[in-house]
Amino acid sequence: MGTADSTGEAARLAELLSTLKERSGLSYGALGKRLHVSASTLHRYCNGDAVPADFAPLNRFARLCRATPEELVEVHRRWILADAAREHRGKGGGGADVVPAADSGTPADTPVARDAPDAPDAPDAQNTPDAPDTPRPRRRLVLAATAGVVAVAAVGALLVGRLGGEGAGAGAGAGEAAGAARGPVASSPAAGSGSPSPSGSASGEPSASPSDSGTPSASPGSSAEGKPAAPAPTGVPFHASVRAHAWENQCSQRYLVDREPDAVRPPPVEQDAPAWVAAMGAVSADEQVVEVTLQGKGSETVVLQALHVRVVRTGEPLAWTDYGTGVGCGGGVALRAFDVDLDQGAPAARAADGQRPFPYKISESDPEMFRVTAHTGGRDVSWYLEVEWSSGERQGVFRVDDRGRPFRTSASDGRPAYDYPPGASEWSEHQPG
């Protein structure tokens, strides 16, 4: 948890949290007891004195306060901006891009942009010593002029080399989110573009695949005046954060595990679900909710053209045991911004509950959060998402997956089922109803 000034983005987040708290009629103590958070911590959130480094506590807080689907999205949007502002202040106002914190265990699928290297300072002509009055041999003048040209060329070559090296590093480093993270398989570049067509993955840094068309008229990294020119933008122009295991509430999610009850750990809370799933080798049962947050870099606007579902593999449902994350929670606020029926021959992400369909626009100050609910009643499906995007003359396809691996969802109909009631110390057979 980080501290925050009670101004700006943190104040706007606190205002919404305070409104939800007052409307719920619950005290800080009552809310904290149900959320397993101290009352003083909740009070600091609602006063704008602190911004949590993780969104999960605010997500549970808003749901407990009966926030509407629109309010939940707005809480998430304000938290992204407040967290970015807090980290920006913590770095002393540096210009580095700030990536919103993700769930523990979630990527942060967030490619982090590296700062471009500073261009070497050009020598200041005014600081050079005055030339003596006595004439110099012509040979020395020619040598001096030649040395000056070589120095300018060396500076340009150095800058191009450093920028090129960074670009290569971004492409090779696409593994931040994939193996625990994300060691992605980059999407193929969009076809038909006459400019670089970057592609990327939520599991790591994007890589740019420039098209063959278009030859620069000047030497790379230099302008007609011989000064280093600003490099053309490359890579995916936005940050991405993916929560592969978002829940409707503490009791909504069930998992299939190929273990007997005495070998299965007690169910996790939502923010610990990724680690629990990895340790147990669990697969989402019947339904999986994925939250994708996209935030632009810098001032450029990015148009998100479409959201596609790609099926990698499908088969018979897993013959594993069904385990629930809790019982006795009651109904919650259902958010199904985009619904995916994995039992269809060609699954598609369809806008639900009045959600506006694609396209969308994002920027650094205007992020978007998309909640995708995928479900199956009779199959075991491995799948991922693709986001088509464009920014100016650039376009590409961005892959959204679970730490470099496809999401996996399997039907559980007819499988043995177990629950872990509050206060229990072991799993017990599921009681329907």
Protein backbone atom coordinates (compact mmCIF):
# COMPACT_ATOMS: atom_id res chain seq x y z
CA MET A 1 0.00 0.00 0.00
CA GLY A 2 1.37 3.38 -0.94
CA THR A 3 0.69 6.78 0.46
CA ALA A 4 -0.90 9.49 -1.63
CA ASP A 5 -1.59 13.18 -1.38
CA SER A 6 -5.26 13.97 -0.82
CA THR A 7 -5.40 15.85 -4.10
CA GLY A 8 -5.87 15.10 -7.76
CA GLU A 9 -6.52 11.52 -8.82
CA ALA A 10 -6.34 10.10 -5.28
CA ALA A 11 -8.97 12.59 -4.14
CA ARG A 12 -11.29 11.66 -7.00
CA LEU A 13 -10.93 7.98 -6.15
CA ALA A 14 -11.54 8.68 -2.46
CA GLU A 15 -14.66 10.69 -3.29
CA LEU A 16 -16.23 7.75 -5.10
CA LEU A 17 -15.22 5.25 -2.40
CA SER A 18 -16.66 7.50 0.32
CA THR A 19 -19.93 7.81 -1.61
CA LEU A 20 -20.24 4.03 -1.90
CA LYS A 21 -19.42 3.56 1.77
CA GLU A 22 -21.99 6.10 2.95
CA ARG A 23 -24.65 4.64 0.67
CA SER A 24 -24.03 1.13 2.01
CA GLY A 25 -24.88 2.21 5.56
CA LEU A 26 -22.04 0.07 6.92
CA SER A 27 -19.39 1.31 9.32
CA TYR A 28 -15.66 1.08 8.65
CA GLY A 29 -15.44 -1.60 11.29
CA ALA A 30 -18.19 -3.72 9.73
CA LEU A 31 -16.70 -3.37 6.26
CA GLY A 32 -13.20 -4.13 7.47
CA LYS A 33 -14.33 -7.28 9.30
CA ARG A 34 -15.98 -8.67 6.17
CA LEU A 35 -13.08 -7.66 3.93
CA HIS A 36 -10.33 -8.76 6.36
CA VAL A 37 -8.90 -5.23 6.26
CA SER A 38 -8.44 -2.89 9.21
CA ALA A 39 -10.95 -0.08 9.65
CA SER A 40 -8.14 2.47 9.70
CA THR A 41 -6.89 1.27 6.31
CA LEU A 42 -10.35 1.62 4.77
CA HIS A 43 -10.64 5.07 6.33
CA ARG A 44 -7.38 6.12 4.65
CA TYR A 45 -8.63 4.86 1.29
CA CYS A 46 -11.86 6.83 1.61
CA ASN A 47 -10.01 9.97 2.74
CA GLY A 48 -7.50 9.84 -0.10
CA ASP A 49 -4.58 9.41 2.31
CA ALA A 50 -3.56 6.10 0.71
CA VAL A 51 -3.93 4.25 -2.58
CA PRO A 52 -3.58 0.44 -2.48
CA ALA A 53 -0.91 -0.99 -4.77
CA ASP A 54 -3.38 -3.70 -5.79
CA PHE A 55 -6.94 -3.22 -7.08
CA ALA A 56 -8.39 -6.35 -5.45
CA PRO A 57 -9.16 -4.69 -2.05
CA LEU A 58 -11.07 -1.87 -3.73
CA ASN A 59 -12.86 -4.33 -5.99
CA ARG A 60 -14.16 -6.28 -2.98
CA PHE A 61 -14.96 -3.05 -1.13
CA ALA A 62 -17.06 -1.72 -4.02
CA ARG A 63 -18.90 -5.02 -4.45
CA LEU A 64 -19.65 -5.22 -0.74
CA CYS A 65 -21.08 -1.69 -0.96
CA ARG A 66 -23.39 -2.88 -3.76
CA ALA A 67 -21.77 -0.81 -6.48
CA THR A 68 -23.45 -0.97 -9.87
CA PRO A 69 -21.52 -2.42 -12.85
CA GLU A 70 -20.89 1.12 -14.09
CA GLU A 71 -19.60 2.18 -10.67
CA LEU A 72 -17.27 -0.81 -10.48
CA VAL A 73 -15.75 0.13 -13.82
CA GLU A 74 -15.38 3.75 -12.67
CA VAL A 75 -13.68 2.69 -9.42
CA HIS A 76 -11.20 0.66 -11.45
CA ARG A 77 -10.56 3.54 -13.85
CA ARG A 78 -9.95 6.05 -11.01
CA TRP A 79 -7.67 3.59 -9.20
CA ILE A 80 -5.50 3.19 -12.32
CA LEU A 81 -5.03 6.95 -12.57
CA ALA A 82 -4.46 7.41 -8.83
CA ASP A 83 -1.93 4.57 -8.66
CA ALA A 84 -0.05 5.94 -11.67
CA ALA A 85 0.02 9.44 -10.13
CA ARG A 86 1.30 8.02 -6.81
CA GLU A 87 4.13 6.13 -8.49
CA HIS A 88 4.96 9.18 -10.60
CA ARG A 89 5.38 11.29 -7.45
CA GLY A 90 7.42 8.51 -5.85
CA LYS A 91 9.90 8.72 -8.72
CA GLY A 92 10.34 12.44 -8.23
CA GLY A 93 8.23 13.43 -11.19
CA GLY A 94 10.31 11.45 -13.68
CA GLY A 95 8.97 10.94 -17.15
CA ALA A 96 8.97 7.16 -17.09
CA ASP A 97 5.71 5.45 -17.99
CA VAL A 98 3.86 4.05 -15.01
CA VAL A 99 2.09 0.72 -15.34
CA PRO A 100 -1.04 0.07 -13.22
CA ALA A 101 -0.51 -2.58 -10.54
CA ALA A 102 -2.08 -5.91 -11.36
CA ASP A 103 -3.39 -8.75 -9.28
CA SER A 104 -0.77 -10.74 -7.51
CA GLY A 105 0.16 -13.41 -9.95
CA THR A 106 -1.15 -11.50 -12.90
CA PRO A 107 1.10 -10.14 -15.25
CA ALA A 108 1.46 -7.82 -15.27
CA ASP A 109 0.92 -8.24 -18.51
CA THR A 110 2.03 -5.04 -18.76
CA PRO A 111 4.80 -4.23 -21.03
CA VAL A 112 6.87 -1.48 -19.42
CA ALA A 113 8.21 1.09 -21.83
CA ARG A 114 11.89 1.91 -21.48
CA ASP A 115 13.00 5.49 -21.50
CA ALA A 116 14.72 6.45 -24.72
CA PRO A 117 18.42 7.23 -24.22
CA ASP A 118 19.40 10.83 -24.08
CA ALA A 119 21.09 12.06 -27.22
CA PRO A 120 24.74 12.91 -26.70
CA ASP A 121 25.23 16.61 -26.21
CA ALA A 122 26.50 18.33 -29.32
CA PRO A 123 29.53 20.56 -28.79
CA ASP A 124 28.64 24.18 -28.19
CA ALA A 125 30.25 26.38 -30.79
CA GLN A 126 30.20 29.35 -28.44
CA ASN A 127 32.37 27.54 -25.92
CA THR A 128 35.17 26.71 -28.36
CA PRO A 129 38.33 28.78 -27.99
CA ASP A 130 38.73 31.71 -30.34
CA ALA A 131 40.90 31.00 -33.36
CA PRO A 132 44.29 32.71 -33.35
CA ASP A 133 44.79 35.69 -35.64
CA THR A 134 47.69 34.06 -37.41
CA PRO A 135 46.70 32.10 -40.53
CA ARG A 136 46.90 28.29 -40.39
CA PRO A 137 48.16 26.06 -43.16
CA ARG A 138 45.44 24.89 -45.56
CA ARG A 139 46.23 21.26 -44.75
CA ARG A 140 45.25 21.79 -41.10
CA LEU A 141 41.95 23.43 -42.10
CA VAL A 142 41.07 20.44 -44.28
CA LEU A 143 41.95 17.98 -41.50
CA ALA A 144 39.92 19.94 -38.95
CA ALA A 145 36.87 20.01 -41.24
CA THR A 146 37.20 16.28 -41.88
CA ALA A 147 37.44 15.55 -38.15
CA GLY A 148 34.29 17.59 -37.51
CA VAL A 149 32.31 15.61 -40.11
CA VAL A 150 33.54 12.31 -38.64
CA ALA A 151 32.53 13.43 -35.13
CA VAL A 152 28.99 14.32 -36.24
CA ALA A 153 28.70 11.00 -38.10
CA ALA A 154 29.94 9.12 -35.01
CA VAL A 155 27.35 10.82 -32.81
CA GLY A 156 24.57 9.90 -35.25
CA ALA A 157 25.82 6.31 -35.54
CA LEU A 158 26.02 5.98 -31.76
CA LEU A 159 22.46 7.22 -31.33
CA VAL A 160 21.12 4.93 -34.04
CA GLY A 161 23.00 1.98 -32.54
CA ARG A 162 21.63 2.63 -29.06
CA LEU A 163 18.08 3.07 -30.28
CA GLY A 164 18.35 0.00 -32.51
CA GLY A 165 19.75 -2.01 -29.62
CA GLU A 166 16.83 -1.03 -27.43
CA GLY A 167 14.34 -1.97 -30.13
CA ALA A 168 15.96 -5.36 -30.46
CA GLY A 169 15.92 -5.78 -26.70
CA ALA A 170 12.19 -5.06 -26.57
CA GLY A 171 11.54 -7.76 -29.12
CA ALA A 172 13.77 -10.29 -27.44
CA GLY A 173 12.53 -9.52 -23.96
CA ALA A 174 8.97 -10.53 -24.56
CA GLY A 175 8.98 -12.91 -21.65
CA GLU A 176 8.08 -10.80 -18.70
CA ALA A 177 4.61 -12.16 -18.50
CA ALA A 178 4.99 -15.52 -19.83
CA GLY A 179 6.58 -18.05 -17.84
CA ALA A 180 5.27 -16.70 -14.72
CA ALA A 181 4.77 -14.65 -16.24
CA ARG A 182 4.34 -14.14 -19.76
CA GLY A 183 6.59 -15.45 -22.26
CA PRO A 184 4.38 -14.65 -25.11
CA VAL A 185 3.87 -15.82 -28.55
CA ALA A 186 3.67 -12.58 -30.47
CA SER A 187 0.73 -12.10 -32.78
CA SER A 188 1.42 -11.82 -36.46
CA PRO A 189 1.61 -8.26 -37.77
CA ALA A 190 -1.44 -6.74 -39.36
CA ALA A 191 -1.31 -7.04 -43.10
CA GLY A 192 -1.63 -4.28 -45.61
CA SER A 193 0.11 -1.56 -43.65
CA GLY A 194 2.72 0.59 -45.29
CA SER A 195 4.24 1.50 -41.95
CA PRO A 196 5.68 -0.60 -39.13
CA SER A 197 3.04 -3.03 -37.89
CA PRO A 198 3.79 -3.81 -34.26
CA SER A 199 2.28 -6.83 -32.62
CA GLY A 200 2.48 -7.92 -29.03
CA SER A 201 1.18 -10.00 -26.19
CA ALA A 202 -0.15 -9.33 -22.74
CA SER A 203 2.54 -11.65 -21.57
CA GLY A 204 5.49 -9.53 -22.38
CA GLU A 205 6.97 -6.59 -24.20
CA PRO A 206 5.72 -5.99 -27.71
CA SER A 207 7.89 -6.52 -30.71
CA ALA A 208 7.61 -4.49 -33.90
CA SER A 209 7.76 -6.05 -37.33
CA PRO A 210 8.37 -3.29 -39.87
CA SER A 211 6.94 -3.82 -43.32
CA ASP A 212 9.18 -4.07 -46.34
CA SER A 213 7.66 -1.08 -48.05
CA GLY A 214 8.98 2.41 -47.54
CA THR A 215 12.63 3.42 -47.74
CA PRO A 216 13.80 6.44 -45.77
CA SER A 217 15.13 9.26 -47.92
CA ALA A 218 17.71 10.32 -45.31
CA SER A 219 20.19 8.20 -43.44
CA PRO A 220 18.64 6.53 -40.36
CA GLY A 221 18.64 8.63 -37.20
CA SER A 222 19.66 11.84 -38.93
CA SER A 223 17.99 14.83 -40.56
CA ALA A 224 19.01 16.99 -43.51
CA GLU A 225 20.84 19.29 -41.10
CA GLY A 226 22.98 16.42 -39.83
CA LYS A 227 21.29 16.41 -36.40
CA PRO A 228 19.83 13.22 -34.89
CA ALA A 229 16.15 12.91 -35.83
CA ALA A 230 13.49 11.61 -33.46
CA PRO A 231 12.88 7.90 -34.11
CA ALA A 232 9.51 6.84 -35.49
CA PRO A 233 7.29 5.30 -32.79
CA THR A 234 7.46 1.51 -32.59
CA GLY A 235 5.89 -1.20 -30.46
CA VAL A 236 2.44 -1.43 -28.96
CA PRO A 237 1.31 2.08 -27.93
CA PHE A 238 -0.46 1.02 -24.73
CA HIS A 239 0.06 -0.81 -21.45
CA ALA A 240 -1.98 -3.92 -20.67
CA SER A 241 -2.97 -5.51 -17.38
CA VAL A 242 -4.75 -8.88 -17.31
CA ARG A 243 -6.55 -10.61 -14.45
CA ALA A 244 -7.06 -14.18 -15.62
CA HIS A 245 -9.03 -15.16 -12.51
CA ALA A 246 -11.48 -12.36 -11.72
CA TRP A 247 -14.50 -13.47 -9.70
CA GLU A 248 -18.06 -12.24 -9.39
CA ASN A 249 -17.72 -12.73 -5.61
CA GLN A 250 -15.83 -14.90 -3.13
CA CYS A 251 -18.25 -17.80 -3.68
CA SER A 252 -18.84 -17.58 -7.41
CA GLN A 253 -15.83 -19.40 -8.80
CA ARG A 254 -15.30 -23.15 -9.00
CA TYR A 255 -12.24 -25.06 -10.17
CA LEU A 256 -11.51 -28.57 -11.42
CA VAL A 257 -8.52 -30.21 -9.73
CA ASP A 258 -7.10 -33.67 -10.39
CA ARG A 259 -6.58 -34.39 -6.69
CA GLU A 260 -8.46 -35.91 -3.78
CA PRO A 261 -9.91 -33.45 -1.22
CA ASP A 262 -7.25 -34.12 1.42
CA ALA A 263 -4.53 -33.10 -1.10
CA VAL A 264 -6.19 -29.79 -2.06
CA ARG A 265 -5.34 -26.58 -0.22
CA PRO A 266 -8.13 -24.47 1.31
CA PRO A 267 -9.66 -22.09 -1.26
CA PRO A 268 -7.88 -18.78 -1.82
CA VAL A 269 -9.17 -15.24 -1.73
CA GLU A 270 -9.49 -13.63 -5.14
CA GLN A 271 -6.11 -11.90 -5.30
CA ASP A 272 -4.34 -15.17 -4.40
CA ALA A 273 -6.21 -17.24 -7.00
CA PRO A 274 -3.42 -17.24 -9.65
CA ALA A 275 -0.90 -18.74 -7.21
CA TRP A 276 -3.45 -21.29 -5.92
CA VAL A 277 -4.41 -22.32 -9.45
CA ALA A 278 -0.76 -22.78 -10.41
CA ALA A 279 0.04 -24.82 -7.28
CA MET A 280 -3.01 -27.09 -7.63
CA GLY A 281 -2.91 -27.39 -11.43
CA ALA A 282 -6.52 -26.19 -11.39
CA VAL A 283 -8.73 -25.33 -14.36
CA SER A 284 -11.71 -22.96 -14.25
CA ALA A 285 -14.95 -24.93 -14.04
CA ASP A 286 -17.83 -24.00 -16.37
CA GLU A 287 -17.01 -20.29 -16.42
CA GLN A 288 -13.97 -18.00 -16.42
CA VAL A 289 -13.95 -14.22 -15.99
CA VAL A 290 -11.04 -12.29 -17.49
CA GLU A 291 -10.48 -8.57 -16.88
CA VAL A 292 -8.31 -6.67 -19.36
CA THR A 293 -7.24 -3.07 -18.69
CA LEU A 294 -5.65 -1.09 -21.51
CA GLN A 295 -4.05 2.34 -20.99
CA GLY A 296 -2.37 4.45 -23.67
CA LYS A 297 1.22 5.65 -23.52
CA GLY A 298 1.84 9.37 -23.83
CA SER A 299 -0.56 11.70 -25.60
CA GLU A 300 -1.36 9.62 -28.66
CA THR A 301 -4.86 8.18 -28.99
CA VAL A 302 -5.23 4.48 -29.76
CA VAL A 303 -8.32 3.04 -31.42
CA LEU A 304 -9.23 -0.49 -30.33
CA GLN A 305 -10.95 -1.81 -33.42
CA ALA A 306 -12.16 -5.27 -32.39
CA LEU A 307 -11.94 -8.06 -29.81
CA HIS A 308 -11.59 -11.62 -31.12
CA VAL A 309 -11.67 -15.05 -29.46
CA ARG A 310 -9.18 -17.66 -30.67
CA VAL A 311 -9.62 -21.34 -29.73
CA VAL A 312 -6.36 -23.29 -29.49
CA ARG A 313 -7.73 -26.69 -28.52
CA THR A 314 -11.02 -28.31 -27.56
CA GLY A 315 -11.88 -31.74 -26.16
CA GLU A 316 -14.00 -33.73 -23.78
CA PRO A 317 -14.57 -32.19 -20.32
CA LEU A 318 -11.95 -33.02 -17.70
CA ALA A 319 -12.80 -35.98 -15.46
CA TRP A 320 -11.55 -34.14 -12.39
CA THR A 321 -13.13 -33.15 -9.07
CA ASP A 322 -15.02 -29.86 -8.75
CA TYR A 323 -14.00 -27.52 -5.87
CA GLY A 324 -15.80 -24.31 -4.88
CA THR A 325 -14.15 -21.17 -3.49
CA GLY A 326 -16.79 -20.65 -0.78
CA VAL A 327 -20.42 -20.97 0.27
CA GLY A 328 -23.01 -18.73 1.88
CA CYS A 329 -22.03 -15.48 0.17
CA GLY A 330 -25.39 -14.66 -1.35
CA GLY A 331 -25.90 -12.93 -4.67
CA GLY A 332 -23.41 -10.47 -6.08
CA VAL A 333 -23.26 -7.89 -8.82
CA ALA A 334 -22.87 -9.79 -12.10
CA LEU A 335 -20.68 -8.08 -14.67
CA ARG A 336 -20.73 -9.58 -18.15
CA ALA A 337 -19.51 -6.75 -20.33
CA PHE A 338 -18.56 -9.24 -23.04
CA ASP A 339 -19.93 -12.78 -23.14
CA VAL A 340 -18.18 -15.70 -24.88
CA ASP A 341 -19.97 -19.02 -25.50
CA LEU A 342 -17.13 -21.50 -25.88
CA ASP A 343 -19.54 -24.22 -27.02
CA GLN A 344 -20.12 -22.44 -30.33
CA GLY A 345 -18.23 -23.49 -33.44
CA ALA A 346 -16.66 -20.03 -33.75
CA PRO A 347 -16.85 -18.34 -30.34
CA ALA A 348 -17.13 -14.55 -30.40
CA ALA A 349 -17.01 -11.83 -27.75
CA ARG A 350 -20.51 -10.37 -27.74
CA ALA A 351 -21.44 -7.19 -25.89
CA ALA A 352 -23.83 -7.96 -23.01
CA ASP A 353 -25.89 -6.06 -20.45
CA GLY A 354 -26.03 -2.91 -22.55
CA GLN A 355 -22.26 -2.82 -23.06
CA ARG A 356 -21.21 -0.73 -26.05
CA PRO A 357 -19.51 -2.87 -28.72
CA PHE A 358 -16.13 -2.13 -30.25
CA PRO A 359 -14.45 0.14 -31.36
CA TYR A 360 -13.14 2.02 -28.30
CA LYS A 361 -10.56 4.77 -27.87
CA ILE A 362 -7.91 4.85 -25.13
CA SER A 363 -5.14 7.24 -24.08
CA GLU A 364 -2.91 7.72 -21.05
CA SER A 365 -5.61 9.70 -19.24
CA ASP A 366 -8.55 7.61 -20.48
CA PRO A 367 -7.99 3.85 -19.94
CA GLU A 368 -10.60 1.16 -20.54
CA MET A 369 -11.33 -2.02 -18.62
CA PHE A 370 -12.99 -4.93 -20.44
CA ARG A 371 -14.57 -7.81 -18.53
CA VAL A 372 -14.93 -11.00 -20.57
CA THR A 373 -16.96 -13.94 -19.23
CA ALA A 374 -16.35 -17.21 -21.10
CA HIS A 375 -18.42 -20.29 -20.35
CA THR A 376 -18.89 -23.87 -21.52
CA GLY A 377 -21.41 -26.57 -20.69
CA GLY A 378 -19.82 -29.59 -22.31
CA ARG A 379 -16.22 -29.04 -23.46
CA ASP A 380 -12.65 -28.49 -22.31
CA VAL A 381 -11.46 -25.41 -24.19
CA SER A 382 -8.08 -23.63 -24.38
CA TRP A 383 -8.47 -20.11 -25.75
CA TYR A 384 -7.11 -16.56 -25.80
CA LEU A 385 -8.15 -13.09 -26.94
CA GLU A 386 -6.84 -10.75 -29.61
CA VAL A 387 -7.29 -6.98 -29.71
CA GLU A 388 -7.00 -5.22 -33.06
CA TRP A 389 -5.65 -1.69 -32.66
CA SER A 390 -4.56 1.31 -34.70
CA SER A 391 -2.77 4.56 -33.90
CA GLY A 392 -2.15 7.01 -36.71
CA GLU A 393 -0.64 5.05 -39.58
CA ARG A 394 0.32 2.13 -37.35
CA GLN A 395 -1.81 -0.91 -36.67
CA GLY A 396 -1.39 -4.29 -35.08
CA VAL A 397 -2.88 -7.20 -33.14
CA PHE A 398 -2.33 -7.65 -29.40
CA ARG A 399 -2.68 -11.08 -27.79
CA VAL A 400 -4.25 -11.41 -24.33
CA ASP A 401 -3.53 -14.67 -22.51
CA ASP A 402 -2.73 -16.18 -19.10
CA ARG A 403 0.97 -15.49 -18.54
CA GLY A 404 1.99 -16.67 -21.98
CA ARG A 405 -0.41 -19.64 -21.96
CA PRO A 406 -3.98 -19.88 -23.27
CA PHE A 407 -6.84 -19.56 -20.82
CA ARG A 408 -8.45 -22.93 -20.07
CA THR A 409 -12.06 -23.57 -19.13
CA SER A 410 -13.76 -26.96 -18.76
CA ALA A 411 -17.30 -28.11 -18.04
CA SER A 412 -17.88 -29.82 -14.68
CA ASP A 413 -21.29 -31.42 -15.18
CA GLY A 414 -21.56 -34.76 -13.38
CA ARG A 415 -18.23 -34.43 -11.57
CA PRO A 416 -17.89 -34.94 -7.77
CA ALA A 417 -18.12 -31.54 -6.09
CA TYR A 418 -16.79 -30.20 -2.79
CA ASP A 419 -17.09 -26.94 -0.83
CA TYR A 420 -15.14 -25.35 2.00
CA PRO A 421 -17.70 -23.74 4.36
CA PRO A 422 -16.72 -20.73 6.50
CA GLY A 423 -14.93 -21.85 9.66
CA ALA A 424 -14.32 -25.35 8.30
CA SER A 425 -10.95 -27.05 8.38
CA GLU A 426 -11.51 -29.48 5.51
CA TRP A 427 -13.44 -29.93 2.26
CA SER A 428 -16.95 -31.37 2.45
CA GLU A 429 -19.30 -32.68 -0.22
CA HIS A 430 -21.25 -30.02 -2.09
CA GLN A 431 -24.87 -29.65 -1.04
CA PRO A 432 -27.00 -28.51 -4.00
CA GLY A 433 -29.19 -25.48 -3.40
